Amino acid sequence: MKNILIINRKGGVGKTLVADELAFALDAKNVPYCFYDLDGQGGTLHEPVEMDDADISIIDTPGSLQGEMGEWVKDADVVIAIGSRMSDF
């Protein structure tokens, strides 16, 4: 499974919008995926879902994520850093 991590060190920059748009695109192509909303603000249009046959995992991270972010970036297959430089992580 490929893990797509959507990150930024602060909230309100569009992480959840990007996560939802990715999920809509996968829905349109009938690609099984897992959706994890770790942001906790409740702004996502998709319910968290875990599928056994998923090809892709979309992870929307909280804006205040600090310490663990470096490890998450290392473990991800694709990182989408919204409004940031990768050197910030």
N, C-alpha and C. Protein backbone atom coordinates (compact mmCIF):
# COMPACT_ATOMS: atom_id res chain seq x y z
N MET A 1 0.85 -1.17 0.00
CA MET A 1 0.00 0.00 0.00
C MET A 1 0.89 1.24 0.00
N LYS A 2 0.52 2.22 -0.80
CA LYS A 2 1.23 3.50 -0.85
C LYS A 2 0.59 4.48 0.13
N ASN A 3 1.43 5.11 0.95
CA ASN A 3 0.94 6.08 1.93
C ASN A 3 1.17 7.49 1.43
N ILE A 4 0.09 8.28 1.37
CA ILE A 4 0.16 9.69 0.98
C ILE A 4 -0.08 10.51 2.24
N LEU A 5 0.91 11.27 2.64
CA LEU A 5 0.86 12.08 3.84
C LEU A 5 0.70 13.54 3.45
N ILE A 6 -0.29 14.22 4.02
CA ILE A 6 -0.55 15.62 3.73
C ILE A 6 -0.22 16.41 4.99
N ILE A 7 0.78 17.30 4.89
CA ILE A 7 1.31 17.94 6.10
C ILE A 7 1.48 19.45 5.96
N ASN A 8 1.51 20.08 7.10
CA ASN A 8 1.95 21.45 7.32
C ASN A 8 2.00 21.63 8.82
N ARG A 9 2.83 22.53 9.28
CA ARG A 9 2.96 22.73 10.72
C ARG A 9 1.84 23.57 11.33
N LYS A 10 0.95 24.09 10.51
CA LYS A 10 -0.15 24.88 11.07
C LYS A 10 -1.46 24.50 10.39
N GLY A 11 -2.53 24.93 10.98
CA GLY A 11 -3.85 24.64 10.43
C GLY A 11 -4.32 25.72 9.48
N GLY A 12 -5.40 25.43 8.76
CA GLY A 12 -6.01 26.42 7.89
C GLY A 12 -5.28 26.66 6.59
N VAL A 13 -4.47 25.70 6.15
CA VAL A 13 -3.71 25.89 4.92
C VAL A 13 -4.21 25.03 3.76
N GLY A 14 -5.24 24.21 4.00
CA GLY A 14 -5.83 23.42 2.92
C GLY A 14 -5.49 21.94 2.90
N LYS A 15 -4.94 21.42 3.98
CA LYS A 15 -4.60 19.99 4.03
C LYS A 15 -5.83 19.11 3.85
N THR A 16 -6.88 19.44 4.55
CA THR A 16 -8.10 18.63 4.48
C THR A 16 -8.74 18.72 3.10
N LEU A 17 -8.72 19.89 2.49
CA LEU A 17 -9.24 20.04 1.14
C LEU A 17 -8.49 19.13 0.17
N VAL A 18 -7.16 19.10 0.26
CA VAL A 18 -6.37 18.24 -0.61
C VAL A 18 -6.68 16.77 -0.34
N ALA A 19 -6.80 16.39 0.92
CA ALA A 19 -7.13 15.00 1.27
C ALA A 19 -8.48 14.61 0.67
N ASP A 20 -9.48 15.48 0.82
CA ASP A 20 -10.80 15.19 0.25
C ASP A 20 -10.76 15.09 -1.27
N GLU A 21 -10.05 15.98 -1.92
CA GLU A 21 -9.97 15.95 -3.38
C GLU A 21 -9.29 14.68 -3.87
N LEU A 22 -8.24 14.24 -3.18
CA LEU A 22 -7.61 12.97 -3.54
C LEU A 22 -8.59 11.81 -3.39
N ALA A 23 -9.35 11.82 -2.30
CA ALA A 23 -10.33 10.76 -2.08
C ALA A 23 -11.42 10.79 -3.15
N PHE A 24 -11.89 11.98 -3.52
CA PHE A 24 -12.88 12.07 -4.60
C PHE A 24 -12.34 11.50 -5.91
N ALA A 25 -11.07 11.80 -6.21
CA ALA A 25 -10.46 11.29 -7.44
C ALA A 25 -10.35 9.76 -7.41
N LEU A 26 -9.99 9.21 -6.27
CA LEU A 26 -9.90 7.75 -6.15
C LEU A 26 -11.28 7.11 -6.23
N ASP A 27 -12.28 7.76 -5.63
CA ASP A 27 -13.66 7.28 -5.74
C ASP A 27 -14.09 7.21 -7.20
N ALA A 28 -13.77 8.24 -7.96
CA ALA A 28 -14.17 8.31 -9.37
C ALA A 28 -13.53 7.19 -10.20
N LYS A 29 -12.34 6.75 -9.79
CA LYS A 29 -11.63 5.69 -10.52
C LYS A 29 -11.83 4.31 -9.88
N ASN A 30 -12.69 4.24 -8.85
CA ASN A 30 -12.96 2.98 -8.13
C ASN A 30 -11.69 2.33 -7.57
N VAL A 31 -10.79 3.17 -7.08
CA VAL A 31 -9.56 2.69 -6.46
C VAL A 31 -9.81 2.56 -4.95
N PRO A 32 -9.61 1.37 -4.39
CA PRO A 32 -9.82 1.21 -2.95
C PRO A 32 -8.72 1.95 -2.16
N TYR A 33 -9.14 2.65 -1.11
CA TYR A 33 -8.19 3.41 -0.32
C TYR A 33 -8.61 3.45 1.13
N CYS A 34 -7.64 3.79 1.98
CA CYS A 34 -7.92 4.08 3.38
C CYS A 34 -7.83 5.59 3.55
N PHE A 35 -8.69 6.12 4.39
CA PHE A 35 -8.72 7.57 4.63
C PHE A 35 -8.61 7.79 6.13
N TYR A 36 -7.55 8.49 6.53
CA TYR A 36 -7.32 8.77 7.95
C TYR A 36 -7.35 10.27 8.18
N ASP A 37 -8.28 10.73 8.98
CA ASP A 37 -8.39 12.14 9.33
C ASP A 37 -7.84 12.31 10.74
N LEU A 38 -6.56 12.62 10.82
CA LEU A 38 -5.92 12.81 12.12
C LEU A 38 -5.98 14.26 12.58
N ASP A 39 -6.53 15.11 11.73
CA ASP A 39 -6.61 16.54 12.02
C ASP A 39 -7.54 16.82 13.20
N GLY A 40 -8.65 16.14 13.27
CA GLY A 40 -9.54 16.27 14.42
C GLY A 40 -10.43 17.50 14.42
N GLN A 41 -10.35 18.35 13.40
CA GLN A 41 -11.22 19.53 13.36
C GLN A 41 -12.57 19.23 12.74
N GLY A 42 -12.72 18.06 12.15
CA GLY A 42 -14.00 17.66 11.60
C GLY A 42 -14.37 18.34 10.29
N GLY A 43 -13.40 18.85 9.56
CA GLY A 43 -13.69 19.56 8.33
C GLY A 43 -13.73 18.70 7.08
N THR A 44 -13.36 17.44 7.20
CA THR A 44 -13.32 16.58 6.02
C THR A 44 -14.71 16.17 5.57
N LEU A 45 -14.86 15.99 4.29
CA LEU A 45 -16.12 15.52 3.73
C LEU A 45 -16.19 13.99 3.72
N HIS A 46 -15.04 13.34 3.88
CA HIS A 46 -14.98 11.87 3.88
C HIS A 46 -14.89 11.35 5.32
N GLU A 47 -15.59 10.29 5.56
CA GLU A 47 -15.48 9.61 6.85
C GLU A 47 -14.20 8.78 6.84
N PRO A 48 -13.52 8.69 7.98
CA PRO A 48 -12.37 7.80 8.03
C PRO A 48 -12.79 6.38 7.64
N VAL A 49 -11.98 5.74 6.82
CA VAL A 49 -12.31 4.40 6.34
C VAL A 49 -11.03 3.59 6.21
N GLU A 50 -11.13 2.31 6.54
CA GLU A 50 -10.01 1.40 6.38
C GLU A 50 -10.49 0.19 5.59
N MET A 51 -9.89 -0.03 4.43
CA MET A 51 -10.27 -1.14 3.56
C MET A 51 -9.14 -2.16 3.51
N ASP A 52 -9.50 -3.44 3.60
CA ASP A 52 -8.49 -4.50 3.57
C ASP A 52 -7.75 -4.56 2.24
N ASP A 53 -8.45 -4.24 1.14
CA ASP A 53 -7.85 -4.35 -0.18
C ASP A 53 -7.37 -3.01 -0.73
N ALA A 54 -7.11 -2.05 0.16
CA ALA A 54 -6.73 -0.70 -0.27
C ALA A 54 -5.37 -0.68 -0.95
N ASP A 55 -5.28 0.12 -2.00
CA ASP A 55 -4.02 0.34 -2.71
C ASP A 55 -3.30 1.57 -2.18
N ILE A 56 -4.07 2.49 -1.63
CA ILE A 56 -3.55 3.80 -1.22
C ILE A 56 -4.11 4.17 0.14
N SER A 57 -3.29 4.85 0.91
CA SER A 57 -3.70 5.38 2.20
C SER A 57 -3.51 6.89 2.17
N ILE A 58 -4.58 7.65 2.45
CA ILE A 58 -4.53 9.11 2.51
C ILE A 58 -4.55 9.50 3.98
N ILE A 59 -3.55 10.28 4.39
CA ILE A 59 -3.45 10.66 5.80
C ILE A 59 -3.43 12.19 5.92
N ASP A 60 -4.49 12.74 6.49
CA ASP A 60 -4.61 14.18 6.75
C ASP A 60 -4.13 14.42 8.17
N THR A 61 -3.02 15.13 8.31
CA THR A 61 -2.40 15.31 9.63
C THR A 61 -2.88 16.58 10.31
N PRO A 62 -2.76 16.63 11.63
CA PRO A 62 -3.11 17.86 12.35
C PRO A 62 -2.08 18.95 12.10
N GLY A 63 -2.52 20.20 12.14
CA GLY A 63 -1.61 21.31 11.93
C GLY A 63 -0.59 21.49 13.03
N SER A 64 -0.89 21.02 14.21
CA SER A 64 0.02 21.21 15.34
C SER A 64 1.01 20.07 15.50
N LEU A 65 0.98 19.13 14.58
CA LEU A 65 1.90 17.98 14.66
C LEU A 65 3.33 18.47 14.57
N GLN A 66 4.14 18.17 15.55
CA GLN A 66 5.52 18.66 15.57
C GLN A 66 6.51 17.51 15.65
N GLY A 67 6.64 16.91 16.81
CA GLY A 67 7.68 15.93 17.06
C GLY A 67 7.65 14.71 16.16
N GLU A 68 6.45 14.17 15.93
CA GLU A 68 6.33 12.94 15.15
C GLU A 68 6.41 13.17 13.65
N MET A 69 6.31 14.42 13.21
CA MET A 69 6.20 14.70 11.78
C MET A 69 7.40 14.17 11.00
N GLY A 70 8.59 14.31 11.53
CA GLY A 70 9.78 13.83 10.84
C GLY A 70 9.73 12.34 10.58
N GLU A 71 9.29 11.58 11.56
CA GLU A 71 9.18 10.12 11.40
C GLU A 71 8.10 9.77 10.40
N TRP A 72 6.98 10.49 10.43
CA TRP A 72 5.90 10.22 9.49
C TRP A 72 6.36 10.49 8.06
N VAL A 73 7.12 11.57 7.87
CA VAL A 73 7.63 11.90 6.54
C VAL A 73 8.54 10.79 6.04
N LYS A 74 9.40 10.28 6.90
CA LYS A 74 10.32 9.19 6.51
C LYS A 74 9.55 7.94 6.08
N ASP A 75 8.44 7.66 6.74
CA ASP A 75 7.68 6.44 6.48
C ASP A 75 6.72 6.55 5.29
N ALA A 76 6.44 7.77 4.84
CA ALA A 76 5.47 7.98 3.76
C ALA A 76 6.09 7.68 2.39
N ASP A 77 5.25 7.23 1.46
CA ASP A 77 5.68 7.03 0.08
C ASP A 77 5.61 8.34 -0.70
N VAL A 78 4.58 9.14 -0.40
CA VAL A 78 4.38 10.44 -1.04
C VAL A 78 4.06 11.44 0.06
N VAL A 79 4.71 12.60 0.02
CA VAL A 79 4.44 13.66 0.99
C VAL A 79 3.97 14.89 0.22
N ILE A 80 2.81 15.39 0.61
CA ILE A 80 2.30 16.64 0.05
C ILE A 80 2.41 17.67 1.16
N ALA A 81 3.38 18.58 1.03
CA ALA A 81 3.59 19.62 2.02
C ALA A 81 2.90 20.88 1.52
N ILE A 82 1.82 21.24 2.16
CA ILE A 82 1.01 22.38 1.75
C ILE A 82 1.66 23.67 2.24
N GLY A 83 2.05 24.52 1.30
CA GLY A 83 2.59 25.83 1.65
C GLY A 83 3.87 25.82 2.45
N SER A 84 4.69 24.79 2.30
CA SER A 84 5.92 24.68 3.07
C SER A 84 7.06 24.19 2.19
N ARG A 85 8.24 24.35 2.72
CA ARG A 85 9.42 23.75 2.11
C ARG A 85 9.69 22.43 2.81
N MET A 86 10.11 21.43 2.09
CA MET A 86 10.41 20.14 2.73
C MET A 86 11.52 20.28 3.76
N SER A 87 12.39 21.25 3.60
CA SER A 87 13.46 21.45 4.58
C SER A 87 12.92 21.86 5.94
N ASP A 88 11.65 22.30 5.99
CA ASP A 88 11.02 22.66 7.26
C ASP A 88 10.73 21.43 8.12
N PHE A 89 10.76 20.25 7.51
CA PHE A 89 10.41 19.04 8.22
C PHE A 89 11.62 18.19 8.45
